[in-house]
Structures are given as C-alpha cells and as structure tokens.
C-alpha cells in the first residue's frame, strides 16, 4: 500500500503523546530530513509502545503499536542515535522478536 525504501530506527526514546507534527519535527532533528518513502521508528522509554512515521511523497502517516505484555527489543541509548533496519528486521521488531539477529549482524562467517 505504501512504498517504503528505507527503515530508520531512532535509539533515543520519544514521548508517545507526540502527534504527527511533533513526530515529524523529531524525525528532522534526529535524521536531518524526512525523505519520501522512508519509515522512521520511535519507542517510549519502557519500549512497550512504538510509533512509525512514513513519508509517502505527498504527506505523512503516523501509526502506533502498543504491547499489552512484554516490550519491544530496542537498542540502548548510547553513541548511535539512529540505525537502519531491513524489512525482515522491522517485521521481527514489531512482533517483539530479537531482530538484531537477522541480516548481516546474525551471519555466521567462520566455524
């Protein structure tokens, strides 16, 4: 339905009361700009709520997800303020699975 070419994750927590304009301002602050066909993910401090802002080239979409139990596997704030995710990692993240083990980070190169 909405084309997404890149998925970005903001490591620092965001207040989940933020609406579309506040989330868009946060995207510009953290990532420099909201690029068309890019998705930007944010979580709250407890990592049990997630917001995704998508710029579709004409406007922005803001979606939210809340886990009733458990939490999303979210990186701890540190040196990196942002990360790039693959579509497979996004699918695992939304389900609450350990998405860091998918893709290049989970490759076994030497036995």
PDB file of N, CA and C in Angstrom:
ATOM      1  N   UNK A   1       0.806  -1.183   0.000  1.00  0.00           N
ATOM      2  CA  UNK A   1       0.000   0.000   0.000  1.00  0.00           C
ATOM      3  C   UNK A   1       0.860   1.262   0.000  1.00  0.00           C
ATOM      4  N   UNK A   2       1.807   1.338   0.916  1.00  0.00           N
ATOM      5  CA  UNK A   2       2.726   2.479   0.963  1.00  0.00           C
ATOM      6  C   UNK A   2       4.120   1.935   0.681  1.00  0.00           C
ATOM      7  N   UNK A   3       4.787   2.490  -0.321  1.00  0.00           N
ATOM      8  CA  UNK A   3       6.137   2.054  -0.656  1.00  0.00           C
ATOM      9  C   UNK A   3       7.120   2.570   0.392  1.00  0.00           C
ATOM     10  N   UNK A   4       7.940   1.668   0.915  1.00  0.00           N
ATOM     11  CA  UNK A   4       8.968   2.030   1.889  1.00  0.00           C
ATOM     12  C   UNK A   4      10.306   1.514   1.373  1.00  0.00           C
ATOM     13  N   UNK A   5      11.210   2.445   1.093  1.00  0.00           N
ATOM     14  CA  UNK A   5      12.529   2.091   0.572  1.00  0.00           C
ATOM     15  C   UNK A   5      13.589   1.961   1.655  1.00  0.00           C
ATOM     16  N   UNK A   6      13.396   2.652   2.772  1.00  0.00           N
ATOM     17  CA  UNK A   6      14.375   2.599   3.859  1.00  0.00           C
ATOM     18  C   UNK A   6      13.636   2.694   5.191  1.00  0.00           C
ATOM     19  N   UNK A   7      14.168   1.996   6.192  1.00  0.00           N
ATOM     20  CA  UNK A   7      13.579   1.973   7.526  1.00  0.00           C
ATOM     21  C   UNK A   7      14.634   2.439   8.515  1.00  0.00           C
ATOM     22  N   UNK A   8      14.321   3.484   9.259  1.00  0.00           N
ATOM     23  CA  UNK A   8      15.247   4.074  10.209  1.00  0.00           C
ATOM     24  C   UNK A   8      14.695   3.945  11.610  1.00  0.00           C
ATOM     25  N   UNK A   9      15.543   3.627  12.555  1.00  0.00           N
ATOM     26  CA  UNK A   9      15.162   3.480  13.948  1.00  0.00           C
ATOM     27  C   UNK A   9      15.885   4.542  14.764  1.00  0.00           C
ATOM     28  N   UNK A  10      15.137   5.313  15.548  1.00  0.00           N
ATOM     29  CA  UNK A  10      15.730   6.297  16.458  1.00  0.00           C
ATOM     30  C   UNK A  10      15.950   5.617  17.806  1.00  0.00           C
ATOM     31  N   UNK A  11      17.160   5.638  18.295  1.00  0.00           N
ATOM     32  CA  UNK A  11      17.514   4.930  19.522  1.00  0.00           C
ATOM     33  C   UNK A  11      16.957   5.623  20.761  1.00  0.00           C
ATOM     34  N   UNK A  12      17.019   6.945  20.808  1.00  0.00           N
ATOM     35  CA  UNK A  12      16.542   7.699  21.975  1.00  0.00           C
ATOM     36  C   UNK A  12      15.025   7.587  22.098  1.00  0.00           C
ATOM     37  N   UNK A  13      14.500   7.448  23.318  1.00  0.00           N
ATOM     38  CA  UNK A  13      13.042   7.338  23.486  1.00  0.00           C
ATOM     39  C   UNK A  13      12.313   8.635  23.133  1.00  0.00           C
ATOM     40  N   UNK A  14      11.040   8.477  22.762  1.00  0.00           N
ATOM     41  CA  UNK A  14      10.190   9.619  22.426  1.00  0.00           C
ATOM     42  C   UNK A  14       8.911   9.546  23.255  1.00  0.00           C
ATOM     43  N   UNK A  15       8.383  10.699  23.621  1.00  0.00           N
ATOM     44  CA  UNK A  15       7.115  10.779  24.333  1.00  0.00           C
ATOM     45  C   UNK A  15       6.011  10.315  23.385  1.00  0.00           C
ATOM     46  N   UNK A  16       5.279   9.286  23.758  1.00  0.00           N
ATOM     47  CA  UNK A  16       4.263   8.713  22.882  1.00  0.00           C
ATOM     48  C   UNK A  16       3.004   9.563  22.777  1.00  0.00           C
ATOM     49  N   UNK A  17       2.925  10.648  23.526  1.00  0.00           N
ATOM     50  CA  UNK A  17       1.811  11.582  23.363  1.00  0.00           C
ATOM     51  C   UNK A  17       2.007  12.451  22.133  1.00  0.00           C
ATOM     52  N   UNK A  18       3.183  12.369  21.528  1.00  0.00           N
ATOM     53  CA  UNK A  18       3.508  13.188  20.361  1.00  0.00           C
ATOM     54  C   UNK A  18       2.576  12.855  19.200  1.00  0.00           C
ATOM     55  N   UNK A  19       2.108  13.904  18.555  1.00  0.00           N
ATOM     56  CA  UNK A  19       1.284  13.745  17.366  1.00  0.00           C
ATOM     57  C   UNK A  19       2.136  13.788  16.116  1.00  0.00           C
ATOM     58  N   UNK A  20       1.477  13.944  14.995  1.00  0.00           N
ATOM     59  CA  UNK A  20       2.170  13.918  13.703  1.00  0.00           C
ATOM     60  C   UNK A  20       3.210  15.025  13.583  1.00  0.00           C
ATOM     61  N   UNK A  21       2.851  16.246  13.946  1.00  0.00           N
ATOM     62  CA  UNK A  21       3.783  17.370  13.790  1.00  0.00           C
ATOM     63  C   UNK A  21       5.000  17.221  14.699  1.00  0.00           C
ATOM     64  N   UNK A  22       4.786  16.793  15.939  1.00  0.00           N
ATOM     65  CA  UNK A  22       5.894  16.603  16.881  1.00  0.00           C
ATOM     66  C   UNK A  22       6.792  15.459  16.425  1.00  0.00           C
ATOM     67  N   UNK A  23       6.191  14.366  15.949  1.00  0.00           N
ATOM     68  CA  UNK A  23       6.978  13.229  15.452  1.00  0.00           C
ATOM     69  C   UNK A  23       7.780  13.633  14.223  1.00  0.00           C
ATOM     70  N   UNK A  24       7.167  14.418  13.337  1.00  0.00           N
ATOM     71  CA  UNK A  24       7.876  14.889  12.145  1.00  0.00           C
ATOM     72  C   UNK A  24       9.041  15.790  12.532  1.00  0.00           C
ATOM     73  N   UNK A  25       8.840  16.672  13.516  1.00  0.00           N
ATOM     74  CA  UNK A  25       9.933  17.524  13.993  1.00  0.00           C
ATOM     75  C   UNK A  25      11.058  16.682  14.587  1.00  0.00           C
ATOM     76  N   UNK A  26      10.706  15.597  15.269  1.00  0.00           N
ATOM     77  CA  UNK A  26      11.724  14.697  15.845  1.00  0.00           C
ATOM     78  C   UNK A  26      12.503  13.991  14.742  1.00  0.00           C
ATOM     79  N   UNK A  27      11.819  13.589  13.677  1.00  0.00           N
ATOM     80  CA  UNK A  27      12.498  12.963  12.532  1.00  0.00           C
ATOM     81  C   UNK A  27      13.524  13.929  11.953  1.00  0.00           C
ATOM     82  N   UNK A  28      13.131  15.176  11.742  1.00  0.00           N
ATOM     83  CA  UNK A  28      14.047  16.170  11.182  1.00  0.00           C
ATOM     84  C   UNK A  28      15.225  16.400  12.113  1.00  0.00           C
ATOM     85  N   UNK A  29      14.975  16.424  13.424  1.00  0.00           N
ATOM     86  CA  UNK A  29      16.058  16.636  14.388  1.00  0.00           C
ATOM     87  C   UNK A  29      17.048  15.473  14.398  1.00  0.00           C
ATOM     88  N   UNK A  30      16.529  14.240  14.424  1.00  0.00           N
ATOM     89  CA  UNK A  30      17.388  13.061  14.555  1.00  0.00           C
ATOM     90  C   UNK A  30      18.021  12.663  13.227  1.00  0.00           C
ATOM     91  N   UNK A  31      17.241  12.699  12.138  1.00  0.00           N
ATOM     92  CA  UNK A  31      17.705  12.172  10.861  1.00  0.00           C
ATOM     93  C   UNK A  31      18.059  13.253   9.839  1.00  0.00           C
ATOM     94  N   UNK A  32      17.800  14.508  10.160  1.00  0.00           N
ATOM     95  CA  UNK A  32      18.159  15.594   9.255  1.00  0.00           C
ATOM     96  C   UNK A  32      17.052  16.002   8.310  1.00  0.00           C
ATOM     97  N   UNK A  33      16.196  15.066   7.906  1.00  0.00           N
ATOM     98  CA  UNK A  33      15.079  15.338   6.996  1.00  0.00           C
ATOM     99  C   UNK A  33      14.172  14.121   6.965  1.00  0.00           C
ATOM    100  N   UNK A  34      12.956  14.341   6.544  1.00  0.00           N
ATOM    101  CA  UNK A  34      12.014  13.235   6.329  1.00  0.00           C
ATOM    102  C   UNK A  34      11.978  12.978   4.827  1.00  0.00           C
ATOM    103  N   UNK A  35      12.635  11.926   4.398  1.00  0.00           N
ATOM    104  CA  UNK A  35      12.738  11.618   2.978  1.00  0.00           C
ATOM    105  C   UNK A  35      11.526  10.834   2.493  1.00  0.00           C
ATOM    106  N   UNK A  36      11.099  11.070   1.254  1.00  0.00           N
ATOM    107  CA  UNK A  36       9.971  10.305   0.713  1.00  0.00           C
ATOM    108  C   UNK A  36      10.266   8.808   0.693  1.00  0.00           C
ATOM    109  N   UNK A  37       9.264   8.037   1.024  1.00  0.00           N
ATOM    110  CA  UNK A  37       9.315   6.577   1.019  1.00  0.00           C
ATOM    111  C   UNK A  37      10.285   6.006   2.053  1.00  0.00           C
ATOM    112  N   UNK A  38      10.467   6.738   3.138  1.00  0.00           N
ATOM    113  CA  UNK A  38      11.255   6.269   4.271  1.00  0.00           C
ATOM    114  C   UNK A  38      10.347   6.161   5.486  1.00  0.00           C
ATOM    115  N   UNK A  39      10.613   5.170   6.333  1.00  0.00           N
ATOM    116  CA  UNK A  39       9.870   4.970   7.585  1.00  0.00           C
ATOM    117  C   UNK A  39      10.813   5.260   8.745  1.00  0.00           C
ATOM    118  N   UNK A  40      10.286   5.908   9.779  1.00  0.00           N
ATOM    119  CA  UNK A  40      11.071   6.292  10.946  1.00  0.00           C
ATOM    120  C   UNK A  40      10.390   5.736  12.190  1.00  0.00           C
ATOM    121  N   UNK A  41      11.122   4.946  12.988  1.00  0.00           N
ATOM    122  CA  UNK A  41      10.564   4.281  14.158  1.00  0.00           C
ATOM    123  C   UNK A  41      11.059   4.923  15.442  1.00  0.00           C
ATOM    124  N   UNK A  42      10.135   5.044  16.404  1.00  0.00           N
ATOM    125  CA  UNK A  42      10.439   5.574  17.728  1.00  0.00           C
ATOM    126  C   UNK A  42       9.748   4.712  18.764  1.00  0.00           C
ATOM    127  N   UNK A  43      10.328   4.605  19.947  1.00  0.00           N
ATOM    128  CA  UNK A  43       9.706   3.888  21.065  1.00  0.00           C
ATOM    129  C   UNK A  43       9.733   4.792  22.289  1.00  0.00           C
ATOM    130  N   UNK A  44       8.908   4.455  23.275  1.00  0.00           N
ATOM    131  CA  UNK A  44       8.938   5.184  24.537  1.00  0.00           C
ATOM    132  C   UNK A  44      10.063   4.621  25.409  1.00  0.00           C
ATOM    133  N   UNK A  45      10.276   5.210  26.572  1.00  0.00           N
ATOM    134  CA  UNK A  45      11.383   4.800  27.454  1.00  0.00           C
ATOM    135  C   UNK A  45      11.235   3.359  27.928  1.00  0.00           C
ATOM    136  N   UNK A  46      10.010   2.877  28.141  1.00  0.00           N
ATOM    137  CA  UNK A  46       9.792   1.493  28.591  1.00  0.00           C
ATOM    138  C   UNK A  46       9.792   0.492  27.439  1.00  0.00           C
ATOM    139  N   UNK A  47       9.828   0.987  26.211  1.00  0.00           N
ATOM    140  CA  UNK A  47       9.848   0.165  24.990  1.00  0.00           C
ATOM    141  C   UNK A  47       8.636  -0.756  24.872  1.00  0.00           C
ATOM    142  N   UNK A  48       7.499  -0.315  25.388  1.00  0.00           N
ATOM    143  CA  UNK A  48       6.279  -1.102  25.199  1.00  0.00           C
ATOM    144  C   UNK A  48       5.321  -0.406  24.227  1.00  0.00           C
ATOM    145  N   UNK A  49       5.726   0.753  23.729  1.00  0.00           N
ATOM    146  CA  UNK A  49       4.957   1.475  22.716  1.00  0.00           C
ATOM    147  C   UNK A  49       5.888   1.879  21.586  1.00  0.00           C
ATOM    148  N   UNK A  50       5.349   1.857  20.367  1.00  0.00           N
ATOM    149  CA  UNK A  50       6.133   2.120  19.169  1.00  0.00           C
ATOM    150  C   UNK A  50       5.330   3.032  18.259  1.00  0.00           C
ATOM    151  N   UNK A  51       5.991   4.008  17.651  1.00  0.00           N
ATOM    152  CA  UNK A  51       5.369   4.852  16.633  1.00  0.00           C
ATOM    153  C   UNK A  51       6.223   4.798  15.387  1.00  0.00           C
ATOM    154  N   UNK A  52       5.534   4.778  14.246  1.00  0.00           N
ATOM    155  CA  UNK A  52       6.194   4.753  12.946  1.00  0.00           C
ATOM    156  C   UNK A  52       5.656   5.912  12.128  1.00  0.00           C
ATOM    157  N   UNK A  53       6.550   6.757  11.655  1.00  0.00           N
ATOM    158  CA  UNK A  53       6.177   7.849  10.769  1.00  0.00           C
ATOM    159  C   UNK A  53       6.696   7.516   9.383  1.00  0.00           C
ATOM    160  N   UNK A  54       5.818   7.577   8.385  1.00  0.00           N
ATOM    161  CA  UNK A  54       6.194   7.285   6.999  1.00  0.00           C
ATOM    162  C   UNK A  54       5.856   8.488   6.139  1.00  0.00           C
ATOM    163  N   UNK A  55       6.830   8.927   5.358  1.00  0.00           N
ATOM    164  CA  UNK A  55       6.607   9.994   4.383  1.00  0.00           C
ATOM    165  C   UNK A  55       6.376   9.297   3.044  1.00  0.00           C
ATOM    166  N   UNK A  56       5.173   9.454   2.470  1.00  0.00           N
ATOM    167  CA  UNK A  56       4.841   8.744   1.236  1.00  0.00           C
ATOM    168  C   UNK A  56       5.087   9.564  -0.026  1.00  0.00           C
ATOM    169  N   UNK A  57       5.692  10.725   0.110  1.00  0.00           N
ATOM    170  CA  UNK A  57       5.953  11.578  -1.038  1.00  0.00           C
ATOM    171  C   UNK A  57       4.944  12.704  -1.163  1.00  0.00           C
ATOM    172  N   UNK A  58       3.779  12.539  -0.564  1.00  0.00           N
ATOM    173  CA  UNK A  58       2.736  13.559  -0.610  1.00  0.00           C
ATOM    174  C   UNK A  58       2.390  14.088   0.775  1.00  0.00           C
ATOM    175  N   UNK A  59       2.500  13.246   1.766  1.00  0.00           N
ATOM    176  CA  UNK A  59       2.170  13.596   3.142  1.00  0.00           C
ATOM    177  C   UNK A  59       2.826  12.600   4.071  1.00  0.00           C
ATOM    178  N   UNK A  60       2.407  12.625   5.333  1.00  0.00           N
ATOM    179  CA  UNK A  60       2.984  11.706   6.306  1.00  0.00           C
ATOM    180  C   UNK A  60       1.895  10.850   6.940  1.00  0.00           C
ATOM    181  N   UNK A  61       2.270   9.633   7.296  1.00  0.00           N
ATOM    182  CA  UNK A  61       1.426   8.690   8.008  1.00  0.00           C
ATOM    183  C   UNK A  61       2.069   8.458   9.365  1.00  0.00           C
ATOM    184  N   UNK A  62       1.254   8.360  10.393  1.00  0.00           N
ATOM    185  CA  UNK A  62       1.760   8.057  11.732  1.00  0.00           C
ATOM    186  C   UNK A  62       0.957   6.893  12.281  1.00  0.00           C
ATOM    187  N   UNK A  63       1.654   5.826  12.615  1.00  0.00           N
ATOM    188  CA  UNK A  63       0.996   4.631  13.168  1.00  0.00           C
ATOM    189  C   UNK A  63       1.598   4.335  14.532  1.00  0.00           C
ATOM    190  N   UNK A  64       0.793   3.709  15.386  1.00  0.00           N
ATOM    191  CA  UNK A  64       1.248   3.377  16.733  1.00  0.00           C
ATOM    192  C   UNK A  64       0.938   1.917  17.030  1.00  0.00           C
ATOM    193  N   UNK A  65       1.771   1.304  17.863  1.00  0.00           N
ATOM    194  CA  UNK A  65       1.553  -0.065  18.320  1.00  0.00           C
ATOM    195  C   UNK A  65       1.915  -0.122  19.792  1.00  0.00           C
ATOM    196  N   UNK A  66       1.079  -0.816  20.569  1.00  0.00           N
ATOM    197  CA  UNK A  66       1.328  -0.972  21.995  1.00  0.00           C
ATOM    198  C   UNK A  66       1.281  -2.449  22.342  1.00  0.00           C
ATOM    199  N   UNK A  67       2.260  -2.891  23.121  1.00  0.00           N
ATOM    200  CA  UNK A  67       2.270  -4.260  23.613  1.00  0.00           C
ATOM    201  C   UNK A  67       1.612  -4.281  24.984  1.00  0.00           C
ATOM    202  N   UNK A  68       0.653  -5.168  25.182  1.00  0.00           N
ATOM    203  CA  UNK A  68      -0.002  -5.288  26.485  1.00  0.00           C
ATOM    204  C   UNK A  68       0.903  -5.960  27.502  1.00  0.00           C
ATOM    205  N   UNK A  69       1.724  -6.889  27.039  1.00  0.00           N
ATOM    206  CA  UNK A  69       2.716  -7.527  27.906  1.00  0.00           C
ATOM    207  C   UNK A  69       4.044  -7.563  27.164  1.00  0.00           C
ATOM    208  N   UNK A  70       5.108  -7.508  27.903  1.00  0.00           N
ATOM    209  CA  UNK A  70       6.434  -7.547  27.300  1.00  0.00           C
ATOM    210  C   UNK A  70       6.844  -6.188  26.759  1.00  0.00           C
ATOM    211  N   UNK A  71       7.912  -6.202  26.001  1.00  0.00           N
ATOM    212  CA  UNK A  71       8.437  -4.971  25.432  1.00  0.00           C
ATOM    213  C   UNK A  71       9.108  -5.247  24.101  1.00  0.00           C
ATOM    214  N   UNK A  72       9.260  -4.217  23.313  1.00  0.00           N
ATOM    215  CA  UNK A  72       9.969  -4.322  22.051  1.00  0.00           C
ATOM    216  C   UNK A  72      11.460  -4.445  22.348  1.00  0.00           C
ATOM    217  N   UNK A  73      12.171  -5.194  21.538  1.00  0.00           N
ATOM    218  CA  UNK A  73      13.621  -5.311  21.676  1.00  0.00           C
ATOM    219  C   UNK A  73      14.205  -4.045  21.071  1.00  0.00           C
ATOM    220  N   UNK A  74      14.653  -3.132  21.935  1.00  0.00           N
ATOM    221  CA  UNK A  74      15.105  -1.810  21.489  1.00  0.00           C
ATOM    222  C   UNK A  74      16.540  -1.593  21.918  1.00  0.00           C
ATOM    223  N   UNK A  75      17.369  -1.025  21.059  1.00  0.00           N
ATOM    224  CA  UNK A  75      18.759  -0.770  21.464  1.00  0.00           C
ATOM    225  C   UNK A  75      18.825   0.274  22.571  1.00  0.00           C
ATOM    226  N   UNK A  76      19.828   0.151  23.400  1.00  0.00           N
ATOM    227  CA  UNK A  76      20.007   1.110  24.492  1.00  0.00           C
ATOM    228  C   UNK A  76      20.621   2.399  23.939  1.00  0.00           C
ATOM    229  N   UNK A  77      20.180   3.544  24.478  1.00  0.00           N
ATOM    230  CA  UNK A  77      20.801   4.804  24.045  1.00  0.00           C
ATOM    231  C   UNK A  77      22.296   4.782  24.322  1.00  0.00           C
ATOM    232  N   UNK A  78      23.039   5.311  23.397  1.00  0.00           N
ATOM    233  CA  UNK A  78      24.489   5.335  23.524  1.00  0.00           C
ATOM    234  C   UNK A  78      25.070   6.278  22.505  1.00  0.00           C
ATOM    235  N   UNK A  79      26.120   5.828  21.862  1.00  0.00           N
ATOM    236  CA  UNK A  79      26.802   6.651  20.871  1.00  0.00           C
ATOM    237  C   UNK A  79      25.922   6.852  19.636  1.00  0.00           C
ATOM    238  N   UNK A  80      25.320   5.764  19.149  1.00  0.00           N
ATOM    239  CA  UNK A  80      24.478   5.848  17.956  1.00  0.00           C
ATOM    240  C   UNK A  80      23.099   6.386  18.320  1.00  0.00           C
ATOM    241  N   UNK A  81      22.610   7.343  17.533  1.00  0.00           N
ATOM    242  CA  UNK A  81      21.276   7.887  17.758  1.00  0.00           C
ATOM    243  C   UNK A  81      20.274   7.326  16.756  1.00  0.00           C
ATOM    244  N   UNK A  82      20.786   6.617  15.733  1.00  0.00           N
ATOM    245  CA  UNK A  82      19.916   6.066  14.708  1.00  0.00           C
ATOM    246  C   UNK A  82      20.512   4.792  14.131  1.00  0.00           C
ATOM    247  N   UNK A  83      19.628   3.958  13.562  1.00  0.00           N
ATOM    248  CA  UNK A  83      20.047   2.700  12.945  1.00  0.00           C
ATOM    249  C   UNK A  83      19.205   2.469  11.699  1.00  0.00           C
ATOM    250  N   UNK A  84      19.734   1.692  10.771  1.00  0.00           N
ATOM    251  CA  UNK A  84      18.993   1.295   9.575  1.00  0.00           C
ATOM    252  C   UNK A  84      18.527  -0.137   9.779  1.00  0.00           C
ATOM    253  N   UNK A  85      17.273  -0.421   9.425  1.00  0.00           N
ATOM    254  CA  UNK A  85      16.714  -1.767   9.545  1.00  0.00           C
ATOM    255  C   UNK A  85      16.321  -2.298   8.182  1.00  0.00           C
ATOM    256  N   UNK A  86      16.360  -3.607   8.035  1.00  0.00           N
ATOM    257  CA  UNK A  86      15.846  -4.261   6.833  1.00  0.00           C
ATOM    258  C   UNK A  86      14.358  -4.541   7.041  1.00  0.00           C
ATOM    259  N   UNK A  87      13.620  -4.818   5.973  1.00  0.00           N
ATOM    260  CA  UNK A  87      12.202  -5.173   6.142  1.00  0.00           C
ATOM    261  C   UNK A  87      11.998  -6.388   7.051  1.00  0.00           C
ATOM    262  N   UNK A  88      12.891  -7.353   6.980  1.00  0.00           N
ATOM    263  CA  UNK A  88      12.796  -8.531   7.847  1.00  0.00           C
ATOM    264  C   UNK A  88      12.997  -8.162   9.311  1.00  0.00           C
ATOM    265  N   UNK A  89      13.957  -7.270   9.570  1.00  0.00           N
ATOM    266  CA  UNK A  89      14.192  -6.818  10.937  1.00  0.00           C
ATOM    267  C   UNK A  89      12.990  -6.045  11.465  1.00  0.00           C
ATOM    268  N   UNK A  90      12.361  -5.226  10.625  1.00  0.00           N
ATOM    269  CA  UNK A  90      11.164  -4.500  11.044  1.00  0.00           C
ATOM    270  C   UNK A  90      10.041  -5.458  11.404  1.00  0.00           C
ATOM    271  N   UNK A  91       9.826  -6.482  10.584  1.00  0.00           N
ATOM    272  CA  UNK A  91       8.773  -7.460  10.859  1.00  0.00           C
ATOM    273  C   UNK A  91       9.021  -8.154  12.200  1.00  0.00           C
ATOM    274  N   UNK A  92      10.266  -8.514  12.485  1.00  0.00           N
ATOM    275  CA  UNK A  92      10.600  -9.157  13.756  1.00  0.00           C
ATOM    276  C   UNK A  92      10.435  -8.184  14.919  1.00  0.00           C
ATOM    277  N   UNK A  93      10.870  -6.942  14.754  1.00  0.00           N
ATOM    278  CA  UNK A  93      10.762  -5.935  15.801  1.00  0.00           C
ATOM    279  C   UNK A  93       9.310  -5.718  16.209  1.00  0.00           C
ATOM    280  N   UNK A  94       8.429  -5.574  15.237  1.00  0.00           N
ATOM    281  CA  UNK A  94       7.015  -5.313  15.522  1.00  0.00           C
ATOM    282  C   UNK A  94       6.373  -6.476  16.276  1.00  0.00           C
ATOM    283  N   UNK A  95       6.873  -7.686  16.058  1.00  0.00           N
ATOM    284  CA  UNK A  95       6.365  -8.854  16.776  1.00  0.00           C
ATOM    285  C   UNK A  95       7.012  -9.028  18.147  1.00  0.00           C
ATOM    286  N   UNK A  96       8.049  -8.252  18.437  1.00  0.00           N
ATOM    287  CA  UNK A  96       8.733  -8.360  19.720  1.00  0.00           C
ATOM    288  C   UNK A  96       9.844  -9.389  19.720  1.00  0.00           C
ATOM    289  N   UNK A  97      10.285  -9.790  18.536  1.00  0.00           N
ATOM    290  CA  UNK A  97      11.352 -10.793  18.411  1.00  0.00           C
ATOM    291  C   UNK A  97      12.728 -10.121  18.387  1.00  0.00           C
ATOM    292  N   UNK A  98      13.797 -10.875  18.650  1.00  0.00           N
ATOM    293  CA  UNK A  98      15.153 -10.305  18.642  1.00  0.00           C
ATOM    294  C   UNK A  98      15.629 -10.013  17.218  1.00  0.00           C
ATOM    295  N   UNK A  99      15.249  -8.884  16.686  1.00  0.00           N
ATOM    296  CA  UNK A  99      15.510  -8.509  15.303  1.00  0.00           C
ATOM    297  C   UNK A  99      16.987  -8.293  14.996  1.00  0.00           C
ATOM    298  N   UNK A 100      17.816  -8.026  16.016  1.00  0.00           N
ATOM    299  CA  UNK A 100      19.239  -7.784  15.777  1.00  0.00           C
ATOM    300  C   UNK A 100      19.946  -9.021  15.228  1.00  0.00           C
ATOM    301  N   UNK A 101      19.353 -10.186  15.413  1.00  0.00           N
ATOM    302  CA  UNK A 101      19.986 -11.429  14.954  1.00  0.00           C
ATOM    303  C   UNK A 101      19.726 -11.715  13.484  1.00  0.00           C
ATOM    304  N   UNK A 102      18.867 -10.920  12.845  1.00  0.00           N
ATOM    305  CA  UNK A 102      18.563 -11.113  11.429  1.00  0.00           C
ATOM    306  C   UNK A 102      19.491 -10.272  10.575  1.00  0.00           C
ATOM    307  N   UNK A 103      19.726 -10.709   9.358  1.00  0.00           N
ATOM    308  CA  UNK A 103      20.543  -9.945   8.423  1.00  0.00           C
ATOM    309  C   UNK A 103      22.022 -10.140   8.657  1.00  0.00           C
ATOM    310  N   UNK A 104      22.797  -9.157   8.253  1.00  0.00           N
ATOM    311  CA  UNK A 104      24.260  -9.227   8.343  1.00  0.00           C
ATOM    312  C   UNK A 104      24.754  -9.415   9.776  1.00  0.00           C
ATOM    313  N   UNK A 105      24.073  -8.820  10.745  1.00  0.00           N
ATOM    314  CA  UNK A 105      24.516  -8.913  12.130  1.00  0.00           C
ATOM    315  C   UNK A 105      24.429 -10.348  12.650  1.00  0.00           C
ATOM    316  N   UNK A 106      23.550 -11.160  12.066  1.00  0.00           N
ATOM    317  CA  UNK A 106      23.378 -12.530  12.525  1.00  0.00           C
ATOM    318  C   UNK A 106      24.096 -13.560  11.678  1.00  0.00           C
ATOM    319  N   UNK A 107      24.916 -13.117  10.750  1.00  0.00           N
ATOM    320  CA  UNK A 107      25.611 -14.035   9.849  1.00  0.00           C
ATOM    321  C   UNK A 107      26.710 -14.798  10.576  1.00  0.00           C
ATOM    322  N   UNK A 108      26.853 -16.064  10.235  1.00  0.00           N
ATOM    323  CA  UNK A 108      27.962 -16.882  10.724  1.00  0.00           C
ATOM    324  C   UNK A 108      28.960 -16.971   9.596  1.00  0.00           C
ATOM    325  N   UNK A 109      30.160 -16.470   9.807  1.00  0.00           N
ATOM    326  CA  UNK A 109      31.149 -16.392   8.735  1.00  0.00           C
ATOM    327  C   UNK A 109      32.263 -17.419   8.846  1.00  0.00           C
ATOM    328  N   UNK A 110      32.634 -17.797  10.083  1.00  0.00           N
ATOM    329  CA  UNK A 110      33.739 -18.719  10.268  1.00  0.00           C
ATOM    330  C   UNK A 110      33.349 -19.739  11.322  1.00  0.00           C
ATOM    331  N   UNK A 111      33.681 -21.002  11.049  1.00  0.00           N
ATOM    332  CA  UNK A 111      33.427 -22.049  12.039  1.00  0.00           C
ATOM    333  C   UNK A 111      34.762 -22.658  12.416  1.00  0.00           C
TER     334      UNK A 111
END
